[in-house]
Structure formats: C-alpha cells, structure tokens
Amino acid sequence: MNTIWILEDVNLFNLLCPHKFKKYKACHDFDAYRKSDYIYFEEDAANKVYLIEKGKVKIGYYNEDGTEVVKAILKKGELFGEKAILGEEKRDEFAQSLDNSTSICPVGVDTMHDLMRDNKTFSLRIYKFIGYKFRKLERRLQLLLFKDSKTRLLEFLNELCTDYGYNCEKTGDQIINHPYTQKDITSLIGISRPTLNILMNELKEASIIDFNRRQIRIFSTSA
C-alpha cells in the first residue's frame, strides 16, 4: 500500500500551505482553535480545504439517532475538507479541534485549484492523497460495520504499522510510535475504553504485543 498511494514522509502542510507561495503569502492567515472548538459543521458551505500546522483534529458525523461516528483523527501536517476540491458544496461531516492550541491553515478552493493548474506534480500528489484517504476510510467503515472488536483492533494495529511503524534491526519487532490517545483509538474503532484495555492486555499476555502510552511493539514471533 505504501508504494501505491501514501505520500511517504511528506508533511502536506509544508507542501501546500499558501505561505510557501509568494503570490498568496501576503493575504493569508492562520486560524487558532481551542479544544472542542468546531472548525466546520455538517451542512456548512464547502469552500475551503484545511491544513493542520499544529494540534489534532477529529473528523466525524452523527447518525440519525445522534450517535457520533469518528471517521479520522488527523495530526500536524495533514489535510482535511478535501472533498471541496472535487466539487462538494456542503459538508457531510464535522471537523473539531482536539487540542487547546490547534493552528489551521485554511485554503480557499479557488486558490487550491489555481495551485493545481499551475503545477501538474502538485496536482497529482493531491489526487493520489485523496484517493488514499478514501480507500482508508472505506476500509475503516467496513470494519466498524462487519467485524468484531478484536478484529477491529488487530486491523487497526496493522494500519498503524503502515502509517507509523518501522522494523527494529536488533529484534525484528515492529515498533509503532503513534500520535493517538486511548480515547482516540476507541473512537476510531468503535469500542469502549474497558474493552480496549481488555483486548490490549490479552494481546500483551499472549506475547503478541507490548505497549506504553504512545508506543506499541509487535513482537516478530507474532508477525
């Protein structure tokens, strides 16, 4: 998957922010958000895309019964609201700050289209990134709908390996240095915090993984 879609080691903020382009720098500002502030709501006009300079952002929507469904939790350097580039007129999701010092770079759709027209390589990167995000979201929603809690967790660990993992040369273990809190993980895979604790400890007792607050080690003997 890495070789097909993901923009390996690319901070999209550094690539896309209008501050990097002289033509747009003078009239461009950053927006600051506190924890729980909404960047946009469902049904808001989709006339911008957003880049995260600092902090974390939750993307989700509400079911008819009012239940919140978390689609993604994004960190520094990532892009969201990108469906506006493809012609979306109204948001079908919300975006909410998860940190007290989140800094967002908003980019008007017209500005983004100008940048894409002027640079074919830039445009190709954007479309590949959007394609990767759609595939990742589709895979996560399939897990939420059709898989049990343990399978969701195992698939999520596999996804973390792809996005944040590396191979330890000494042991052969997969080391994952990830940005998620326990609450983030439970939101993303749709299970309760007690269930997550039980499953993680079961995997630890079975010598499949070891973990601390922000690192997970998958032992090579379990791979």
Protein backbone atom coordinates (compact mmCIF):
# COMPACT_ATOMS: atom_id res chain seq x y z
CA MET A 1 0.00 0.00 0.00
CA ASN A 2 2.83 2.43 0.78
CA THR A 3 4.22 2.14 -2.73
CA ILE A 4 0.86 2.85 -4.40
CA TRP A 5 -0.89 5.66 -2.54
CA ILE A 6 0.67 7.03 0.60
CA LEU A 7 2.85 10.15 0.36
CA GLU A 8 5.68 8.71 2.41
CA ASP A 9 7.25 11.11 4.89
CA VAL A 10 5.54 14.10 3.26
CA ASN A 11 4.20 16.83 5.52
CA LEU A 12 1.34 18.19 3.42
CA PHE A 13 1.38 21.47 5.32
CA ASN A 14 4.93 22.11 4.11
CA LEU A 15 3.91 21.18 0.58
CA LEU A 16 0.59 23.02 0.23
CA CYS A 17 0.36 25.99 2.58
CA PRO A 18 -0.04 29.26 0.64
CA HIS A 19 2.68 30.77 2.84
CA LYS A 20 5.07 28.75 0.66
CA PHE A 21 3.94 30.66 -2.44
CA LYS A 22 4.82 34.36 -2.77
CA LYS A 23 1.63 35.08 -4.71
CA TYR A 24 -0.58 34.14 -1.75
CA LYS A 25 1.59 34.76 1.32
CA ALA A 26 0.69 38.41 1.97
CA CYS A 27 -3.08 37.82 2.24
CA HIS A 28 -3.02 34.53 4.10
CA ASP A 29 -3.66 33.98 7.82
CA PHE A 30 -3.80 31.08 10.24
CA ASP A 31 -6.83 30.25 12.38
CA ALA A 32 -6.46 29.25 16.05
CA TYR A 33 -8.81 26.83 17.85
CA ARG A 34 -9.17 25.59 21.42
CA LYS A 35 -10.08 22.06 22.46
CA SER A 36 -13.64 21.11 21.37
CA ASP A 37 -13.97 24.10 19.03
CA TYR A 38 -15.59 23.22 15.71
CA ILE A 39 -13.79 24.19 12.51
CA TYR A 40 -16.89 23.42 10.48
CA PHE A 41 -20.22 21.64 10.93
CA GLU A 42 -22.30 19.34 8.77
CA GLU A 43 -24.18 21.34 6.13
CA ASP A 44 -21.66 24.22 6.22
CA ALA A 45 -20.55 25.55 2.83
CA ALA A 46 -17.60 23.60 1.47
CA ASN A 47 -15.49 26.43 0.10
CA LYS A 48 -12.13 25.72 1.76
CA VAL A 49 -9.67 22.96 2.48
CA TYR A 50 -7.61 22.95 5.66
CA LEU A 51 -4.06 22.09 6.64
CA ILE A 52 -3.01 21.40 10.20
CA GLU A 53 0.01 23.46 11.27
CA LYS A 54 -0.26 22.32 14.89
CA GLY A 55 -2.57 20.16 17.00
CA LYS A 56 -5.08 17.40 16.23
CA VAL A 57 -8.47 17.44 14.50
CA LYS A 58 -11.34 14.95 14.69
CA ILE A 59 -13.45 14.31 11.58
CA GLY A 60 -16.86 12.67 12.05
CA TYR A 61 -20.61 12.76 11.64
CA TYR A 62 -23.76 11.96 13.63
CA ASN A 63 -26.13 9.08 12.90
CA GLU A 64 -29.90 9.61 12.85
CA ASP A 65 -30.05 8.55 16.50
CA GLY A 66 -27.44 11.15 17.44
CA THR A 67 -24.56 8.70 17.83
CA GLU A 68 -21.19 10.18 16.89
CA VAL A 69 -19.14 8.27 14.31
CA VAL A 70 -15.45 9.22 14.13
CA LYS A 71 -14.03 8.89 10.63
CA ALA A 72 -10.49 10.09 11.30
CA ILE A 73 -8.22 11.82 13.77
CA LEU A 74 -5.65 13.93 12.00
CA LYS A 75 -2.40 15.44 13.19
CA LYS A 76 0.16 18.10 12.22
CA GLY A 77 0.86 18.24 8.51
CA GLU A 78 -2.37 16.61 7.35
CA LEU A 79 -5.13 17.87 5.07
CA PHE A 80 -8.91 17.76 5.58
CA GLY A 81 -12.05 19.11 3.92
CA GLU A 82 -10.52 17.96 0.63
CA LYS A 83 -13.83 16.89 -0.94
CA ALA A 84 -14.40 20.58 -1.64
CA ILE A 85 -11.70 20.26 -4.32
CA LEU A 86 -13.85 17.63 -6.04
CA GLY A 87 -16.97 19.82 -6.11
CA GLU A 88 -18.65 19.15 -2.76
CA GLU A 89 -20.89 22.14 -1.97
CA LYS A 90 -21.95 21.32 1.60
CA ARG A 91 -20.12 19.42 4.31
CA ASP A 92 -21.35 15.92 5.16
CA GLU A 93 -19.13 15.76 8.26
CA PHE A 94 -17.85 17.94 11.08
CA ALA A 95 -14.28 18.90 11.98
CA GLN A 96 -13.42 19.56 15.62
CA SER A 97 -10.20 20.57 17.38
CA LEU A 98 -8.88 18.09 19.95
CA ASP A 99 -6.10 20.31 21.35
CA ASN A 100 -6.03 23.66 23.13
CA SER A 101 -3.56 25.17 20.69
CA THR A 102 -4.64 23.88 17.28
CA SER A 103 -3.47 26.04 14.38
CA ILE A 104 -5.12 25.65 10.98
CA CYS A 105 -4.17 26.95 7.56
CA PRO A 106 -7.40 27.48 5.56
CA VAL A 107 -7.04 27.46 1.78
CA GLY A 108 -9.85 28.65 -0.49
CA VAL A 109 -10.95 26.14 -3.13
CA ASP A 110 -10.25 28.67 -5.90
CA THR A 111 -6.70 29.13 -4.57
CA MET A 112 -6.19 25.38 -4.44
CA HIS A 113 -7.46 24.97 -7.99
CA ASP A 114 -5.06 27.70 -9.15
CA LEU A 115 -2.13 25.93 -7.48
CA MET A 116 -3.15 22.63 -9.05
CA ARG A 117 -3.46 24.13 -12.54
CA ASP A 118 -0.03 25.74 -12.23
CA ASN A 119 1.78 22.59 -11.09
CA LYS A 120 0.99 19.15 -12.51
CA THR A 121 3.17 17.34 -9.98
CA PHE A 122 1.40 19.16 -7.17
CA SER A 123 -1.98 18.25 -8.66
CA LEU A 124 -1.05 14.57 -8.99
CA ARG A 125 0.04 14.43 -5.34
CA ILE A 126 -3.27 15.90 -4.23
CA TYR A 127 -5.36 13.40 -6.20
CA LYS A 128 -3.27 10.46 -5.01
CA PHE A 129 -3.63 11.68 -1.43
CA ILE A 130 -7.42 11.98 -1.78
CA GLY A 131 -7.60 8.51 -3.29
CA TYR A 132 -5.58 7.07 -0.42
CA LYS A 133 -7.81 8.75 2.19
CA PHE A 134 -11.00 7.46 0.54
CA ARG A 135 -9.66 3.91 0.48
CA LYS A 136 -8.56 4.13 4.09
CA LEU A 137 -11.97 5.47 5.18
CA GLU A 138 -13.83 2.79 3.25
CA ARG A 139 -11.73 0.09 4.93
CA ARG A 140 -12.38 1.54 8.40
CA LEU A 141 -16.14 1.80 7.88
CA GLN A 142 -16.23 -1.82 6.68
CA LEU A 143 -14.50 -2.84 9.90
CA LEU A 144 -17.00 -0.91 12.03
CA LEU A 145 -19.96 -2.48 10.25
CA PHE A 146 -18.90 -6.09 9.83
CA LYS A 147 -16.08 -7.06 12.23
CA ASP A 148 -15.93 -7.91 15.92
CA SER A 149 -13.99 -5.82 18.44
CA LYS A 150 -10.82 -7.91 18.41
CA THR A 151 -10.66 -7.95 14.60
CA ARG A 152 -11.13 -4.17 14.53
CA LEU A 153 -8.22 -3.74 16.93
CA LEU A 154 -5.93 -6.11 15.01
CA GLU A 155 -6.72 -4.38 11.72
CA PHE A 156 -6.10 -1.00 13.35
CA LEU A 157 -2.70 -2.18 14.63
CA ASN A 158 -1.87 -3.29 11.09
CA GLU A 159 -2.87 0.16 9.83
CA LEU A 160 -0.66 1.80 12.46
CA CYS A 161 2.25 -0.34 11.25
CA THR A 162 1.74 1.01 7.75
CA ASP A 163 1.43 4.65 8.83
CA TYR A 164 3.81 4.91 11.80
CA GLY A 165 5.77 1.68 12.16
CA TYR A 166 9.35 0.68 11.50
CA ASN A 167 11.33 -2.54 11.84
CA CYS A 168 13.76 -2.83 14.76
CA GLU A 169 17.04 -4.07 13.28
CA LYS A 170 18.15 -5.77 16.51
CA THR A 171 14.98 -7.71 17.30
CA GLY A 172 12.94 -7.73 14.09
CA ASP A 173 9.98 -6.35 16.06
CA GLN A 174 7.65 -3.76 14.56
CA ILE A 175 7.84 -0.51 16.55
CA ILE A 176 4.88 1.88 16.25
CA ASN A 177 5.30 5.45 17.52
CA HIS A 178 1.78 6.80 17.07
CA PRO A 179 0.00 10.10 17.96
CA TYR A 180 -3.22 8.65 19.37
CA THR A 181 -4.58 8.69 22.89
CA GLN A 182 -6.59 5.78 24.26
CA LYS A 183 -9.76 7.82 23.72
CA ASP A 184 -8.76 8.45 20.09
CA ILE A 185 -8.33 4.74 19.44
CA THR A 186 -11.67 3.79 20.99
CA SER A 187 -13.40 6.45 18.87
CA LEU A 188 -11.71 5.28 15.67
CA ILE A 189 -12.52 1.58 16.05
CA GLY A 190 -15.88 1.95 17.79
CA ILE A 191 -15.29 0.11 21.06
CA SER A 192 -15.41 1.13 24.72
CA ARG A 193 -12.31 2.00 26.74
CA PRO A 194 -12.71 -1.01 29.07
CA THR A 195 -12.97 -3.31 26.03
CA LEU A 196 -9.83 -1.79 24.53
CA ASN A 197 -7.94 -2.32 27.80
CA ILE A 198 -9.05 -5.96 27.99
CA LEU A 199 -8.06 -6.70 24.39
CA MET A 200 -4.69 -4.94 24.62
CA ASN A 201 -3.83 -6.79 27.82
CA GLU A 202 -4.88 -10.10 26.27
CA LEU A 203 -2.50 -9.48 23.36
CA LYS A 204 0.24 -8.49 25.81
CA GLU A 205 -0.26 -11.63 27.93
CA ALA A 206 -0.10 -13.72 24.76
CA SER A 207 3.31 -12.12 23.96
CA ILE A 208 1.94 -10.66 20.74
CA ILE A 209 2.48 -7.02 21.70
CA ASP A 210 3.88 -4.75 24.36
CA PHE A 211 2.82 -1.14 24.75
CA ASN A 212 3.01 2.10 26.64
CA ARG A 213 1.25 5.45 26.22
CA ARG A 214 2.46 6.31 22.70
CA GLN A 215 4.38 3.24 21.53
CA ILE A 216 3.29 -0.26 20.56
CA ARG A 217 5.75 -3.08 19.89
CA ILE A 218 4.58 -6.05 17.82
CA PHE A 219 6.91 -8.96 18.52
CA SER A 220 8.48 -10.58 15.49
CA THR A 221 7.43 -14.05 16.65
CA SER A 222 3.79 -12.99 16.26
CA ALA A 223 4.18 -11.50 12.78
